[in-house]
Structure formats: C-alpha cells, structure tokens
Amino acid sequence: MSSAYIKCYMCDAKAVGKEHVPPRCLFPKRRDLASGEDLRKELLTVPSCNLHNSEKSGDDEYFLNVLTSIVGINEVGRQHYNKQIRRRNSKNPSIIRRFADRSIEINGQLAFEVEIERLDVFIEHLACALYMAHFKSKWHGDVEWLPEFLVQIQSTHEEQEEIKIVKGIDSEFNKIALHGMNKEVFMYQVAESDKLIKMRLYFYDNCKILLIFPNKI
C-alpha cells in the first residue's frame, strides 16, 4: 500500500512519522548505563501524525518523571533517572516546580499528588498505540486502565482496595507470556476473552498498569 494511505494510529490524518511504543524517552541511552547495554534496540513503533507524536512530548516527559520517582523501580530505571532525567530536569526548572507544588507527606515520607487527568491522556495514546503494534489494527473504542503503580505513591482507602484487586491480577496473568525486546525497561502481557482484552504493562519491572479494552472489535 502506498504511504499516502497510511493513517495515524490515533486518528484518520495521514501518518508522517512513527511513534515509539512506549515513548523512546523511557529507554536510557547506552552511555548512561553501567552495563553499556543497548536498550533502544528493536523498539515498537506505529504510524503517527505530527499531532499525536511530537506535540505530546510534554506528556511523555511527565509520565517518565512519575515512573522514575517510584521506589520499587529496578536498577536500569534508577540509572536512567540519575544519568539523564535529573540532568534534563536541571535545565528545565518548571518541571521541578510542578512536582514541588504538588508535594504531600504520607506516613512521614515526601510524595506528590499525581495529575491523573494528564496521565489519562497519556495512557489513552499509549493503549491505542500498543494495541495497533500488537494486533496490527486500530482500536476504536474506549480504554479503561488501572494504575497499579499508584498504590505505591498514595495510601488512601481507595488505593488499599486497589491493592486487593492487584493481587487478583497477579493470579490472572501468572502464566501468560511476556512480550518485549527490552524487558528491563518495558514488557507486556495480553489476556483475551470473548468480551474483552486486557494488557498488563510493566515499566522498570515493578511499575505496572492494567489496560482494559471493553469490547473486542
């Protein structure tokens, strides 16, 4: 098919480039890793228009900062923060102020309130892109998501209830194959049924997000 007819993963506009799934900024550069390993090899991509690629880079950076603030990330995630993200943030004080303005204290530890509306937008794009990368077709419906990793940031009654849900998710995905070439940064699982599709995403090993595509199309 001619490239003139390739559409963006999110809309019907003509694709003019590729969007990485997840965004490339999550994958540290080889020079920033003590192992010298290349974790930017064979990244997933989908066709994208300008609006749904370069113009959402701010949301990509926000998501990356949220992830790398989690205590339970692996060594790759910590090195990525210490070597690249901290350096980048130092050149953009507005990012530091944004998190500082939303700082809170939980159980004697400093944390921050997550901008859930901003994450909603990011996750919608990520879900549609990953669906296309995996199934080779566009998703046209709504997407539900459960931010499993947020129970590590907040500690309200609602989050405690979600912890119980997460335990059930662990059991459901226990024997399902993992996908991803650079598993230290990102991997995912897919569970299909007649009524819905679920994807469980893993960032830096322990930051998990559950995606739910309610009606199989």
N, C-alpha and C. Protein backbone atom coordinates (compact mmCIF):
# COMPACT_ATOMS: atom_id res chain seq x y z
N MET A 1 0.85 -1.20 0.00
CA MET A 1 0.00 0.00 0.00
C MET A 1 0.88 1.25 0.00
N SER A 2 0.50 2.25 -0.75
CA SER A 2 1.27 3.49 -0.81
C SER A 2 1.26 4.16 0.55
N SER A 3 2.39 4.81 0.91
CA SER A 3 2.47 5.51 2.19
C SER A 3 1.46 6.64 2.28
N ALA A 4 0.93 7.10 1.12
CA ALA A 4 -0.05 8.17 1.12
C ALA A 4 -1.34 7.74 1.81
N TYR A 5 -1.57 6.43 1.98
CA TYR A 5 -2.80 5.93 2.55
C TYR A 5 -2.62 5.40 3.98
N ILE A 6 -1.44 5.53 4.52
CA ILE A 6 -1.22 5.07 5.89
C ILE A 6 -1.72 6.13 6.86
N LYS A 7 -2.61 5.74 7.77
CA LYS A 7 -3.20 6.68 8.72
C LYS A 7 -2.54 6.57 10.09
N CYS A 8 -2.65 7.64 10.84
CA CYS A 8 -2.15 7.71 12.20
C CYS A 8 -2.84 6.68 13.08
N TYR A 9 -2.11 6.19 14.07
CA TYR A 9 -2.66 5.20 15.00
C TYR A 9 -3.82 5.74 15.83
N MET A 10 -3.91 7.09 15.98
CA MET A 10 -4.94 7.69 16.82
C MET A 10 -6.07 8.35 16.04
N CYS A 11 -5.83 8.72 14.80
CA CYS A 11 -6.84 9.46 14.05
C CYS A 11 -6.75 9.09 12.57
N ASP A 12 -7.54 9.78 11.75
CA ASP A 12 -7.55 9.47 10.31
C ASP A 12 -6.60 10.34 9.51
N ALA A 13 -5.81 11.16 10.20
CA ALA A 13 -4.84 12.00 9.49
C ALA A 13 -3.74 11.14 8.89
N LYS A 14 -3.11 11.65 7.85
CA LYS A 14 -2.02 10.93 7.20
C LYS A 14 -0.83 10.82 8.15
N ALA A 15 -0.27 9.63 8.26
CA ALA A 15 0.93 9.43 9.07
C ALA A 15 2.13 10.03 8.37
N VAL A 16 2.92 10.80 9.11
CA VAL A 16 4.12 11.42 8.54
C VAL A 16 5.38 10.93 9.26
N GLY A 17 5.21 10.10 10.26
CA GLY A 17 6.35 9.57 11.00
C GLY A 17 5.92 8.39 11.84
N LYS A 18 6.73 8.07 12.83
CA LYS A 18 6.44 6.92 13.69
C LYS A 18 6.46 7.33 15.16
N GLU A 19 5.57 6.75 15.91
CA GLU A 19 5.51 6.93 17.35
C GLU A 19 6.06 5.68 18.02
N HIS A 20 6.98 5.86 18.96
CA HIS A 20 7.51 4.71 19.69
C HIS A 20 6.53 4.28 20.77
N VAL A 21 6.45 2.96 21.00
CA VAL A 21 5.52 2.40 21.96
C VAL A 21 6.28 1.52 22.94
N PRO A 22 6.44 1.94 24.19
CA PRO A 22 6.14 3.26 24.75
C PRO A 22 7.15 4.29 24.23
N PRO A 23 6.99 5.56 24.63
CA PRO A 23 7.88 6.61 24.11
C PRO A 23 9.36 6.29 24.31
N ARG A 24 10.16 6.70 23.35
CA ARG A 24 11.59 6.38 23.34
C ARG A 24 12.32 6.96 24.55
N CYS A 25 11.80 8.06 25.11
CA CYS A 25 12.48 8.70 26.23
C CYS A 25 12.53 7.79 27.46
N LEU A 26 11.71 6.76 27.52
CA LEU A 26 11.74 5.84 28.65
C LEU A 26 12.95 4.91 28.61
N PHE A 27 13.55 4.78 27.44
CA PHE A 27 14.67 3.86 27.27
C PHE A 27 15.99 4.61 27.40
N PRO A 28 16.79 4.29 28.40
CA PRO A 28 18.05 5.01 28.61
C PRO A 28 19.04 4.79 27.48
N LYS A 29 19.89 5.77 27.28
CA LYS A 29 20.95 5.64 26.28
C LYS A 29 22.03 4.69 26.80
N ARG A 30 22.71 4.04 25.88
CA ARG A 30 23.75 3.08 26.24
C ARG A 30 24.82 3.71 27.15
N ARG A 31 25.19 4.97 26.86
CA ARG A 31 26.26 5.62 27.61
C ARG A 31 25.87 5.89 29.06
N ASP A 32 24.56 5.87 29.36
CA ASP A 32 24.09 6.16 30.71
C ASP A 32 23.89 4.91 31.55
N LEU A 33 24.22 3.76 31.01
CA LEU A 33 24.07 2.50 31.75
C LEU A 33 25.44 1.94 32.10
N ALA A 34 25.58 1.49 33.33
CA ALA A 34 26.86 0.93 33.76
C ALA A 34 27.22 -0.30 32.94
N SER A 35 26.22 -1.04 32.49
CA SER A 35 26.46 -2.26 31.71
C SER A 35 26.84 -1.97 30.27
N GLY A 36 26.53 -0.76 29.78
CA GLY A 36 26.77 -0.42 28.38
C GLY A 36 25.84 -1.13 27.43
N GLU A 37 24.76 -1.70 27.97
CA GLU A 37 23.82 -2.46 27.14
C GLU A 37 22.96 -1.53 26.28
N ASP A 38 22.61 -1.97 25.08
CA ASP A 38 21.75 -1.21 24.19
C ASP A 38 20.30 -1.58 24.45
N LEU A 39 19.58 -0.71 25.12
CA LEU A 39 18.16 -0.96 25.42
C LEU A 39 17.24 -0.16 24.51
N ARG A 40 17.81 0.36 23.43
CA ARG A 40 16.98 1.06 22.45
C ARG A 40 16.90 0.27 21.14
N LYS A 41 17.14 -1.01 21.22
CA LYS A 41 17.10 -1.86 20.02
C LYS A 41 15.69 -2.40 19.81
N GLU A 42 15.30 -2.46 18.55
CA GLU A 42 14.04 -3.08 18.13
C GLU A 42 12.84 -2.56 18.92
N LEU A 43 12.75 -1.25 19.07
CA LEU A 43 11.61 -0.66 19.76
C LEU A 43 10.36 -0.75 18.90
N LEU A 44 9.21 -0.92 19.55
CA LEU A 44 7.95 -0.96 18.82
C LEU A 44 7.60 0.44 18.31
N THR A 45 7.07 0.52 17.10
CA THR A 45 6.62 1.79 16.54
C THR A 45 5.29 1.61 15.82
N VAL A 46 4.55 2.71 15.70
CA VAL A 46 3.30 2.74 14.93
C VAL A 46 3.29 4.02 14.11
N PRO A 47 2.57 4.04 12.98
CA PRO A 47 2.50 5.27 12.17
C PRO A 47 1.76 6.37 12.92
N SER A 48 2.25 7.60 12.79
CA SER A 48 1.68 8.70 13.55
C SER A 48 1.71 10.00 12.77
N CYS A 49 0.70 10.84 13.03
CA CYS A 49 0.72 12.21 12.51
C CYS A 49 1.51 13.07 13.48
N ASN A 50 1.78 14.32 13.12
CA ASN A 50 2.55 15.20 13.99
C ASN A 50 1.86 15.46 15.33
N LEU A 51 0.53 15.64 15.28
CA LEU A 51 -0.22 15.96 16.49
C LEU A 51 -0.06 14.87 17.55
N HIS A 52 -0.07 13.64 17.11
CA HIS A 52 -0.02 12.52 18.06
C HIS A 52 1.38 11.94 18.21
N ASN A 53 2.38 12.75 17.90
CA ASN A 53 3.75 12.32 18.12
C ASN A 53 4.51 13.44 18.83
N SER A 54 5.10 14.34 18.08
CA SER A 54 5.98 15.35 18.67
C SER A 54 5.24 16.30 19.61
N GLU A 55 3.97 16.58 19.32
CA GLU A 55 3.25 17.57 20.12
C GLU A 55 2.80 17.04 21.49
N LYS A 56 3.02 15.76 21.77
CA LYS A 56 2.67 15.23 23.08
C LYS A 56 3.91 14.89 23.90
N SER A 57 5.06 15.41 23.49
CA SER A 57 6.30 15.08 24.17
C SER A 57 6.29 15.51 25.64
N GLY A 58 5.57 16.59 25.97
CA GLY A 58 5.48 17.04 27.35
C GLY A 58 4.82 16.00 28.24
N ASP A 59 3.77 15.34 27.73
CA ASP A 59 3.10 14.29 28.49
C ASP A 59 4.01 13.07 28.65
N ASP A 60 4.81 12.78 27.63
CA ASP A 60 5.76 11.67 27.72
C ASP A 60 6.76 11.93 28.85
N GLU A 61 7.28 13.16 28.92
CA GLU A 61 8.25 13.51 29.95
C GLU A 61 7.63 13.45 31.34
N TYR A 62 6.38 13.88 31.45
CA TYR A 62 5.71 13.84 32.75
C TYR A 62 5.56 12.40 33.22
N PHE A 63 5.13 11.51 32.33
CA PHE A 63 4.97 10.11 32.68
C PHE A 63 6.30 9.51 33.11
N LEU A 64 7.37 9.84 32.41
CA LEU A 64 8.69 9.33 32.73
C LEU A 64 9.12 9.79 34.13
N ASN A 65 8.86 11.04 34.46
CA ASN A 65 9.22 11.55 35.78
C ASN A 65 8.42 10.86 36.89
N VAL A 66 7.14 10.59 36.62
CA VAL A 66 6.33 9.88 37.60
C VAL A 66 6.88 8.48 37.83
N LEU A 67 7.15 7.76 36.75
CA LEU A 67 7.64 6.39 36.87
C LEU A 67 8.95 6.31 37.65
N THR A 68 9.88 7.19 37.32
CA THR A 68 11.21 7.10 37.93
C THR A 68 11.25 7.67 39.34
N SER A 69 10.10 8.13 39.84
CA SER A 69 10.01 8.56 41.23
C SER A 69 9.58 7.41 42.14
N ILE A 70 9.20 6.28 41.54
CA ILE A 70 8.73 5.14 42.30
C ILE A 70 9.90 4.43 42.98
N VAL A 71 9.75 4.11 44.24
CA VAL A 71 10.83 3.48 45.00
C VAL A 71 11.19 2.11 44.43
N GLY A 72 10.21 1.37 43.93
CA GLY A 72 10.44 -0.01 43.53
C GLY A 72 10.97 -0.25 42.14
N ILE A 73 11.40 0.79 41.42
CA ILE A 73 11.92 0.56 40.07
C ILE A 73 13.25 -0.17 40.13
N ASN A 74 13.61 -0.81 39.03
CA ASN A 74 14.86 -1.57 39.00
C ASN A 74 16.08 -0.66 38.82
N GLU A 75 17.25 -1.28 38.75
CA GLU A 75 18.50 -0.52 38.66
C GLU A 75 18.58 0.27 37.35
N VAL A 76 18.04 -0.28 36.27
CA VAL A 76 18.04 0.44 34.99
C VAL A 76 17.26 1.74 35.12
N GLY A 77 16.10 1.68 35.77
CA GLY A 77 15.29 2.89 35.97
C GLY A 77 16.01 3.92 36.83
N ARG A 78 16.70 3.45 37.87
CA ARG A 78 17.43 4.37 38.75
C ARG A 78 18.60 5.02 38.00
N GLN A 79 19.30 4.23 37.21
CA GLN A 79 20.41 4.81 36.44
C GLN A 79 19.89 5.81 35.40
N HIS A 80 18.76 5.50 34.82
CA HIS A 80 18.17 6.41 33.83
C HIS A 80 17.85 7.76 34.47
N TYR A 81 17.29 7.71 35.68
CA TYR A 81 16.97 8.95 36.38
C TYR A 81 18.24 9.72 36.75
N ASN A 82 19.19 9.02 37.34
CA ASN A 82 20.40 9.69 37.83
C ASN A 82 21.26 10.27 36.71
N LYS A 83 21.29 9.59 35.58
CA LYS A 83 22.18 10.00 34.49
C LYS A 83 21.53 10.96 33.50
N GLN A 84 20.27 10.72 33.14
CA GLN A 84 19.68 11.51 32.07
C GLN A 84 18.53 12.40 32.54
N ILE A 85 17.61 11.84 33.30
CA ILE A 85 16.40 12.60 33.66
C ILE A 85 16.74 13.74 34.60
N ARG A 86 17.55 13.47 35.62
CA ARG A 86 17.94 14.53 36.54
C ARG A 86 18.68 15.64 35.80
N ARG A 87 19.55 15.26 34.87
CA ARG A 87 20.30 16.24 34.08
C ARG A 87 19.34 17.08 33.23
N ARG A 88 18.38 16.43 32.63
CA ARG A 88 17.41 17.14 31.79
C ARG A 88 16.54 18.06 32.62
N ASN A 89 16.10 17.60 33.78
CA ASN A 89 15.24 18.41 34.64
C ASN A 89 15.96 19.65 35.15
N SER A 90 17.28 19.54 35.37
CA SER A 90 18.04 20.67 35.88
C SER A 90 18.05 21.83 34.89
N LYS A 91 17.83 21.53 33.63
CA LYS A 91 17.78 22.56 32.59
C LYS A 91 16.38 23.10 32.38
N ASN A 92 15.41 22.51 33.10
CA ASN A 92 14.02 22.93 32.95
C ASN A 92 13.38 23.03 34.34
N PRO A 93 13.63 24.12 35.05
CA PRO A 93 13.14 24.28 36.43
C PRO A 93 11.62 24.16 36.56
N SER A 94 10.88 24.39 35.48
CA SER A 94 9.42 24.32 35.56
C SER A 94 8.95 22.92 35.92
N ILE A 95 9.71 21.90 35.51
CA ILE A 95 9.35 20.53 35.86
C ILE A 95 9.48 20.31 37.36
N ILE A 96 10.59 20.78 37.94
CA ILE A 96 10.81 20.64 39.37
C ILE A 96 9.73 21.38 40.16
N ARG A 97 9.40 22.60 39.73
CA ARG A 97 8.37 23.38 40.41
C ARG A 97 7.02 22.68 40.33
N ARG A 98 6.74 22.06 39.20
CA ARG A 98 5.45 21.40 39.01
C ARG A 98 5.25 20.28 40.03
N PHE A 99 6.29 19.50 40.26
CA PHE A 99 6.19 18.42 41.24
C PHE A 99 6.24 18.96 42.66
N ALA A 100 7.07 19.98 42.88
CA ALA A 100 7.18 20.56 44.22
C ALA A 100 5.86 21.18 44.67
N ASP A 101 5.15 21.81 43.75
CA ASP A 101 3.88 22.45 44.08
C ASP A 101 2.81 21.43 44.47
N ARG A 102 3.02 20.16 44.12
CA ARG A 102 2.03 19.13 44.43
C ARG A 102 2.57 18.14 45.46
N SER A 103 3.60 18.55 46.18
CA SER A 103 4.20 17.65 47.17
C SER A 103 3.29 17.49 48.38
N ILE A 104 3.28 16.29 48.96
CA ILE A 104 2.49 15.97 50.14
C ILE A 104 3.33 15.04 51.02
N GLU A 105 2.88 14.83 52.25
CA GLU A 105 3.57 13.91 53.14
C GLU A 105 2.67 12.74 53.46
N ILE A 106 3.19 11.51 53.28
CA ILE A 106 2.44 10.29 53.57
C ILE A 106 3.30 9.41 54.47
N ASN A 107 2.76 9.12 55.63
CA ASN A 107 3.48 8.26 56.58
C ASN A 107 4.91 8.75 56.84
N GLY A 108 5.06 10.07 56.95
CA GLY A 108 6.35 10.64 57.25
C GLY A 108 7.30 10.75 56.08
N GLN A 109 6.84 10.39 54.88
CA GLN A 109 7.69 10.45 53.69
C GLN A 109 7.13 11.45 52.69
N LEU A 110 8.04 12.12 51.98
CA LEU A 110 7.63 13.10 50.99
C LEU A 110 7.17 12.39 49.71
N ALA A 111 6.00 12.78 49.22
CA ALA A 111 5.46 12.22 47.99
C ALA A 111 4.83 13.38 47.21
N PHE A 112 4.06 13.08 46.18
CA PHE A 112 3.41 14.13 45.42
C PHE A 112 2.09 13.61 44.86
N GLU A 113 1.19 14.55 44.63
CA GLU A 113 -0.10 14.21 44.03
C GLU A 113 0.08 14.09 42.52
N VAL A 114 -0.38 13.00 41.97
CA VAL A 114 -0.26 12.77 40.54
C VAL A 114 -1.37 13.50 39.79
N GLU A 115 -1.02 14.10 38.66
CA GLU A 115 -2.02 14.75 37.81
C GLU A 115 -2.72 13.67 36.99
N ILE A 116 -3.76 13.08 37.57
CA ILE A 116 -4.38 11.91 36.97
C ILE A 116 -5.00 12.23 35.62
N GLU A 117 -5.51 13.45 35.45
CA GLU A 117 -6.10 13.81 34.16
C GLU A 117 -5.04 13.79 33.06
N ARG A 118 -3.85 14.23 33.41
CA ARG A 118 -2.76 14.23 32.42
C ARG A 118 -2.35 12.80 32.10
N LEU A 119 -2.31 11.94 33.11
CA LEU A 119 -1.99 10.54 32.86
C LEU A 119 -3.07 9.88 32.02
N ASP A 120 -4.32 10.26 32.21
CA ASP A 120 -5.42 9.70 31.40
C ASP A 120 -5.15 9.91 29.91
N VAL A 121 -4.73 11.11 29.55
CA VAL A 121 -4.46 11.42 28.15
C VAL A 121 -3.29 10.59 27.64
N PHE A 122 -2.23 10.52 28.45
CA PHE A 122 -1.05 9.75 28.05
C PHE A 122 -1.41 8.28 27.85
N ILE A 123 -2.13 7.71 28.80
CA ILE A 123 -2.46 6.28 28.74
C ILE A 123 -3.37 5.97 27.56
N GLU A 124 -4.28 6.86 27.23
CA GLU A 124 -5.14 6.64 26.06
C GLU A 124 -4.29 6.49 24.80
N HIS A 125 -3.32 7.37 24.62
CA HIS A 125 -2.44 7.29 23.46
C HIS A 125 -1.60 6.01 23.50
N LEU A 126 -1.05 5.71 24.67
CA LEU A 126 -0.22 4.52 24.81
C LEU A 126 -1.01 3.26 24.51
N ALA A 127 -2.23 3.18 25.02
CA ALA A 127 -3.07 2.00 24.82
C ALA A 127 -3.39 1.79 23.35
N CYS A 128 -3.78 2.84 22.67
CA CYS A 128 -4.12 2.73 21.25
C CYS A 128 -2.89 2.35 20.42
N ALA A 129 -1.74 2.91 20.78
CA ALA A 129 -0.51 2.59 20.05
C ALA A 129 -0.10 1.14 20.27
N LEU A 130 -0.16 0.67 21.51
CA LEU A 130 0.25 -0.70 21.80
C LEU A 130 -0.72 -1.70 21.18
N TYR A 131 -2.00 -1.36 21.17
CA TYR A 131 -2.99 -2.24 20.53
C TYR A 131 -2.65 -2.41 19.06
N MET A 132 -2.34 -1.29 18.38
CA MET A 132 -2.01 -1.39 16.96
C MET A 132 -0.71 -2.16 16.75
N ALA A 133 0.28 -1.91 17.60
CA ALA A 133 1.57 -2.60 17.45
C ALA A 133 1.42 -4.10 17.63
N HIS A 134 0.54 -4.51 18.55
CA HIS A 134 0.39 -5.94 18.83
C HIS A 134 -0.56 -6.63 17.86
N PHE A 135 -1.72 -6.01 17.61
CA PHE A 135 -2.75 -6.66 16.80
C PHE A 135 -2.75 -6.23 15.33
N LYS A 136 -1.94 -5.23 14.98
CA LYS A 136 -1.84 -4.73 13.61
C LYS A 136 -3.17 -4.16 13.11
N SER A 137 -3.94 -3.59 14.01
CA SER A 137 -5.19 -2.93 13.64
C SER A 137 -5.47 -1.83 14.65
N LYS A 138 -6.33 -0.87 14.27
CA LYS A 138 -6.61 0.27 15.14
C LYS A 138 -7.69 -0.08 16.15
N TRP A 139 -7.58 0.53 17.32
CA TRP A 139 -8.62 0.40 18.33
C TRP A 139 -9.53 1.61 18.23
N HIS A 140 -10.85 1.39 18.23
CA HIS A 140 -11.81 2.48 18.02
C HIS A 140 -12.71 2.73 19.23
N GLY A 141 -12.54 1.97 20.29
CA GLY A 141 -13.41 2.15 21.45
C GLY A 141 -12.73 2.84 22.61
N ASP A 142 -13.41 2.82 23.76
CA ASP A 142 -12.85 3.39 24.97
C ASP A 142 -11.81 2.44 25.56
N VAL A 143 -10.99 2.97 26.42
CA VAL A 143 -9.98 2.17 27.13
C VAL A 143 -10.08 2.48 28.62
N GLU A 144 -10.17 1.44 29.43
CA GLU A 144 -10.13 1.61 30.87
C GLU A 144 -8.73 1.23 31.36
N TRP A 145 -8.31 1.82 32.46
CA TRP A 145 -6.98 1.47 32.97
C TRP A 145 -6.92 1.54 34.47
N LEU A 146 -6.09 0.67 35.03
CA LEU A 146 -5.86 0.65 36.47
C LEU A 146 -4.38 0.92 36.71
N PRO A 147 -4.05 2.04 37.36
CA PRO A 147 -2.64 2.37 37.62
C PRO A 147 -2.14 1.63 38.86
N GLU A 148 -1.73 0.40 38.68
CA GLU A 148 -1.29 -0.41 39.81
C GLU A 148 -0.15 0.26 40.56
N PHE A 149 0.72 0.95 39.84
CA PHE A 149 1.90 1.55 40.49
C PHE A 149 1.54 2.70 41.42
N LEU A 150 0.36 3.29 41.27
CA LEU A 150 -0.01 4.43 42.11
C LEU A 150 -0.27 4.04 43.55
N VAL A 151 -0.53 2.77 43.81
CA VAL A 151 -0.73 2.36 45.20
C VAL A 151 0.56 2.50 45.99
N GLN A 152 1.69 2.65 45.27
CA GLN A 152 2.97 2.85 45.95
C GLN A 152 3.22 4.32 46.27
N ILE A 153 2.42 5.20 45.69
CA ILE A 153 2.60 6.64 45.91
C ILE A 153 1.61 7.17 46.93
N GLN A 154 0.37 6.70 46.85
CA GLN A 154 -0.69 7.19 47.70
C GLN A 154 -1.16 6.09 48.63
N SER A 155 -1.89 6.45 49.69
CA SER A 155 -2.27 5.45 50.68
C SER A 155 -3.67 5.72 51.23
N THR A 156 -4.61 6.08 50.39
CA THR A 156 -5.97 6.30 50.83
C THR A 156 -6.71 4.98 50.87
N HIS A 157 -7.94 5.02 51.38
CA HIS A 157 -8.75 3.79 51.45
C HIS A 157 -8.98 3.22 50.06
N GLU A 158 -9.19 4.10 49.09
CA GLU A 158 -9.42 3.64 47.72
C GLU A 158 -8.22 2.86 47.19
N GLU A 159 -7.02 3.37 47.46
CA GLU A 159 -5.84 2.66 46.98
C GLU A 159 -5.66 1.32 47.69
N GLN A 160 -6.04 1.25 48.97
CA GLN A 160 -5.96 -0.02 49.68
C GLN A 160 -6.89 -1.06 49.07
N GLU A 161 -8.04 -0.61 48.61
CA GLU A 161 -8.95 -1.53 47.92
C GLU A 161 -8.34 -2.00 46.60
N GLU A 162 -7.62 -1.10 45.93
CA GLU A 162 -7.00 -1.47 44.66
C GLU A 162 -5.89 -2.50 44.87
N ILE A 163 -5.24 -2.48 46.04
CA ILE A 163 -4.22 -3.48 46.33
C ILE A 163 -4.81 -4.88 46.26
N LYS A 164 -6.04 -5.04 46.76
CA LYS A 164 -6.70 -6.34 46.70
C LYS A 164 -6.96 -6.74 45.25
N ILE A 165 -7.33 -5.76 44.42
CA ILE A 165 -7.57 -6.03 43.00
C ILE A 165 -6.28 -6.47 42.32
N VAL A 166 -5.18 -5.80 42.68
CA VAL A 166 -3.88 -6.13 42.08
C VAL A 166 -3.50 -7.57 42.36
N LYS A 167 -3.77 -8.05 43.55
CA LYS A 167 -3.45 -9.44 43.88
C LYS A 167 -4.20 -10.40 42.96
N GLY A 168 -5.44 -10.05 42.62
CA GLY A 168 -6.20 -10.87 41.69
C GLY A 168 -5.62 -10.83 40.29
N ILE A 169 -5.11 -9.66 39.90
CA ILE A 169 -4.48 -9.51 38.58
C ILE A 169 -3.22 -10.37 38.50
N ASP A 170 -2.44 -10.39 39.58
CA ASP A 170 -1.23 -11.22 39.62
C ASP A 170 -1.56 -12.67 39.30
N SER A 171 -2.65 -13.16 39.89
CA SER A 171 -3.06 -14.55 39.68
C SER A 171 -3.51 -14.77 38.24
N GLU A 172 -4.27 -13.81 37.68
CA GLU A 172 -4.79 -13.95 36.32
C GLU A 172 -3.68 -14.00 35.28
N PHE A 173 -2.61 -13.22 35.48
CA PHE A 173 -1.55 -13.13 34.48
C PHE A 173 -0.34 -14.02 34.81
N ASN A 174 -0.47 -14.85 35.79
CA ASN A 174 0.65 -15.63 36.29
C ASN A 174 1.35 -16.47 35.23
N LYS A 175 0.59 -17.06 34.31
CA LYS A 175 1.17 -17.99 33.34
C LYS A 175 1.09 -17.48 31.90
N ILE A 176 0.88 -16.18 31.73
CA ILE A 176 0.76 -15.60 30.39
C ILE A 176 2.12 -15.09 29.92
N ALA A 177 2.43 -15.33 28.65
CA ALA A 177 3.74 -14.98 28.08
C ALA A 177 3.98 -13.47 28.13
N LEU A 178 5.25 -13.11 28.29
CA LEU A 178 5.67 -11.71 28.28
C LEU A 178 6.20 -11.34 26.90
N HIS A 179 5.87 -10.12 26.45
CA HIS A 179 6.35 -9.60 25.18
C HIS A 179 7.27 -8.41 25.43
N GLY A 180 8.23 -8.20 24.54
CA GLY A 180 9.11 -7.05 24.66
C GLY A 180 10.57 -7.43 24.51
N MET A 181 11.31 -6.66 23.71
CA MET A 181 12.71 -6.95 23.46
C MET A 181 13.64 -6.37 24.53
N ASN A 182 13.16 -5.36 25.25
CA ASN A 182 14.00 -4.67 26.24
C ASN A 182 13.27 -4.70 27.59
N LYS A 183 13.18 -5.90 28.15
CA LYS A 183 12.31 -6.14 29.30
C LYS A 183 12.73 -5.39 30.55
N GLU A 184 14.00 -4.96 30.63
CA GLU A 184 14.41 -4.18 31.80
C GLU A 184 13.70 -2.83 31.85
N VAL A 185 13.23 -2.36 30.69
CA VAL A 185 12.51 -1.09 30.61
C VAL A 185 11.01 -1.32 30.45
N PHE A 186 10.62 -2.18 29.52
CA PHE A 186 9.19 -2.36 29.24
C PHE A 186 8.91 -3.76 28.73
N MET A 187 7.82 -4.34 29.24
CA MET A 187 7.30 -5.59 28.73
C MET A 187 5.80 -5.61 28.99
N TYR A 188 5.11 -6.51 28.31
CA TYR A 188 3.66 -6.54 28.49
C TYR A 188 3.12 -7.94 28.25
N GLN A 189 1.91 -8.17 28.76
CA GLN A 189 1.19 -9.42 28.58
C GLN A 189 -0.18 -9.13 28.00
N VAL A 190 -0.76 -10.09 27.30
CA VAL A 190 -2.08 -9.93 26.69
C VAL A 190 -2.95 -11.10 27.09
N ALA A 191 -4.13 -10.80 27.65
CA ALA A 191 -5.13 -11.82 28.00
C ALA A 191 -6.40 -11.52 27.22
N GLU A 192 -6.85 -12.46 26.42
CA GLU A 192 -8.04 -12.27 25.58
C GLU A 192 -9.18 -13.17 26.02
N SER A 193 -10.39 -12.64 25.92
CA SER A 193 -11.59 -13.43 26.14
C SER A 193 -12.62 -13.02 25.10
N ASP A 194 -13.79 -13.61 25.14
CA ASP A 194 -14.82 -13.28 24.15
C ASP A 194 -15.33 -11.85 24.29
N LYS A 195 -15.25 -11.28 25.49
CA LYS A 195 -15.86 -9.98 25.74
C LYS A 195 -14.87 -8.83 25.85
N LEU A 196 -13.63 -9.12 26.15
CA LEU A 196 -12.68 -8.03 26.31
C LEU A 196 -11.24 -8.51 26.15
N ILE A 197 -10.35 -7.53 26.06
CA ILE A 197 -8.92 -7.78 26.00
C ILE A 197 -8.27 -7.01 27.14
N LYS A 198 -7.35 -7.66 27.84
CA LYS A 198 -6.59 -7.00 28.89
C LYS A 198 -5.11 -7.03 28.53
N MET A 199 -4.43 -5.93 28.80
CA MET A 199 -2.98 -5.88 28.66
C MET A 199 -2.40 -5.40 29.98
N ARG A 200 -1.41 -6.13 30.46
CA ARG A 200 -0.72 -5.70 31.67
C ARG A 200 0.67 -5.23 31.26
N LEU A 201 0.99 -3.99 31.59
CA LEU A 201 2.25 -3.37 31.21
C LEU A 201 3.19 -3.29 32.40
N TYR A 202 4.46 -3.53 32.14
CA TYR A 202 5.50 -3.47 33.18
C TYR A 202 6.57 -2.47 32.76
N PHE A 203 6.81 -1.46 33.59
CA PHE A 203 7.87 -0.48 33.34
C PHE A 203 8.92 -0.62 34.44
N TYR A 204 10.19 -0.78 34.05
CA TYR A 204 11.28 -0.95 35.02
C TYR A 204 10.92 -2.03 36.05
N ASP A 205 10.36 -3.13 35.55
CA ASP A 205 10.00 -4.32 36.32
C ASP A 205 8.75 -4.18 37.17
N ASN A 206 8.71 -3.19 38.07
CA ASN A 206 7.68 -3.19 39.11
C ASN A 206 6.59 -2.14 38.98
N CYS A 207 6.67 -1.27 37.98
CA CYS A 207 5.62 -0.26 37.77
C CYS A 207 4.63 -0.83 36.77
N LYS A 208 3.46 -1.20 37.25
CA LYS A 208 2.51 -1.94 36.43
C LYS A 208 1.24 -1.13 36.15
N ILE A 209 0.73 -1.30 34.94
CA ILE A 209 -0.52 -0.68 34.53
C ILE A 209 -1.36 -1.73 33.83
N LEU A 210 -2.63 -1.81 34.18
CA LEU A 210 -3.55 -2.73 33.52
C LEU A 210 -4.43 -1.95 32.55
N LEU A 211 -4.43 -2.36 31.28
CA LEU A 211 -5.30 -1.77 30.27
C LEU A 211 -6.46 -2.73 29.99
N ILE A 212 -7.65 -2.17 29.85
CA ILE A 212 -8.83 -2.99 29.55
C ILE A 212 -9.53 -2.40 28.34
N PHE A 213 -9.63 -3.21 27.30
CA PHE A 213 -10.35 -2.84 26.07
C PHE A 213 -11.70 -3.55 26.17
N PRO A 214 -12.78 -2.82 26.55
CA PRO A 214 -14.03 -3.46 26.98
C PRO A 214 -14.73 -4.34 25.95
N ASN A 215 -14.70 -3.98 24.70
CA ASN A 215 -15.40 -4.76 23.70
C ASN A 215 -14.46 -5.10 22.56
N LYS A 216 -14.27 -6.36 22.33
CA LYS A 216 -13.36 -6.80 21.27
C LYS A 216 -13.91 -6.39 19.91
N ILE A 217 -13.09 -5.71 19.11
CA ILE A 217 -13.53 -5.20 17.79
C ILE A 217 -12.81 -5.97 16.70
